[in-house]
Every structure is written in C-alpha cells, then in structure tokens.
C-alpha cells in the first residue's frame, strides 16, 4: 500500500493554522490531533515535514479501531511530540479514506515529508506497535526538520581510520608504493572493505600509467599485433578520459588473438572494467562486445 496513494485531492483546502503554531504548552507539537478533510493538509502533509505523522483511520463503530486508537494515543503521549498521532474518523471523512485507498479499518499509515512511508491494517500488540514506530523513526532520522523549537541534533564526527589517513598521505606525496602497501594491509585485515579494494585498484592503475610512454597510442596504432603495446595504449587512453577507445582497442585485440595473448588482453580489459561502476552504460556495452569477441 505505502507510497501508492494520491493525496493531491486533499491539498489546497482552506484550513486553520496547524495546532502547534498556537502552542501546546511546551513549545512543541501536540502529540495527538483530530484531523478532518479541511485540516488534512495542515495537520498531516505540512506537519509531516517536521516529524512523522501516524495517520490512524478508524471508526467509533469498530471496537478494534477504538482499542488501537487508545494504544497509539498512549504511545504518542510517551513520545512527547517526536511523532504525531493523527486520528481520522472515516465515517465523517470518507474522502481521506478514499485517497488512502483504505479497504479495512483500522488502517494506520505513517506519513513523512508529505508521502506515505509504511502502513498496516488491523490490531497490533503494544510491542509490535513500538517496534513499527521505532522503524519509522529510524527511517526518517535526520530527514525531517524536527518539532518547532527543537535543538538540531549534531551528529558526532566520524573518527577517521588512521590506516586510511596514512594511505592517503602517501598518495598525496606521490609515493604509490607506500599507498599500495597501506591499502593492501587494510584489505589483508578486512577482505570485505570495498572502499580499500576500489582505492587499491585506482592507485595501481595510476602507478602503472606513470611509466607508460606518452606516444604509446601512436606506437600501438603502428603495430596492431604488438599485444604489450595495445595494453599500454589502452591505459593511456583511459587516463585521458577516453574509456570507449581503451575498451575498443583491447576488444579488437581479443578478436584477432588466441591463447596467452588473448588471455593477457582480456585480463587487462577486466581490470579496467573494475575501475568503473558495473552499471555504467559504457562498461555494460563493452562487456557485451567482449562476450561476442570471445564466443
């Protein structure tokens, strides 16, 4: 259900100012509000830019609705305005129920930033409700403005890994060997450290391209059968921000070679692919061409 609602019909209606702007005695938001079609935009859509709004769609005719509304109200008071319990009587406000696509009552929908985030139908235990609301708060943490007058929460700055600092300092100094050794040490200790793996690939490429002749491309063009020349030229083309040319050169080499030479060209091409996002369209297209060249 969540995210599939069209709430535009409930916007731009004349409405009184949101209740908290008149003050709730504590300088924050009232934890419980009764919402109608006329006040929906102000009390739900606008307010949800500050804190999550838990929209409670029910009816006094339904004992389940009454019980759930009582549970949510108690939790909202305990929360002290960190989220709002918006009570809506579907009998008096059928347009809201229709906009949300309500098929059964009670239905509860979390709204944040003007958009439905999650929902459920039927009764819930207190423990289930608390866990569901905690998940909503975690999902919206740092993404909403917070209650009026609330002090912004400053996150603690993350402490930098001294191993990364050493690797970056070596790279800044142009000491590729030390930078490679530093990142390799991180990977040896943490094989799943994807940042270190990606950094190591980039640095190895940079270190390698430093030693390639500036006229490597011209030499390779003049000697298409020279596999080593094609590999060096591809490095240069990639360093010049021309990955299409680098990939095309190596794929052409794969097509006209066999055995160990083909393996060398293919291996270097795969290494160059790893410097990019696998979903990059240039890489996706090159992988298709490589597959065709091989088979």
Foldseek 3Di string as FASTA:
>chain_A
DFQPFDCVVLPDAAADAAPCVVPDPPNWHDQEDEDASRCCCRHAQVCLLAAKEKEWEAAPVDPQSVVVLVLSVVVSVVVPRNYHYYYYYCVRHVVVCVRVVPDDPGKIFIDHNRGTDDIDHTHDDSVVVVVVVVVVCVVCPPPHNHIGPDDDDDDDDDDDDVLVVQLVVCVVVVNLVSNLVSLVVVCVVPVPPVVSVLVNLVSVLVVVLVPADPCLLVVCVVPVQPLVSLLNNLSVCVVVVNNLVSLVSLLVQLLPDDDPSNVVSVVSNVSVCSNDDCPPPSNVVSVVSSVVSVD
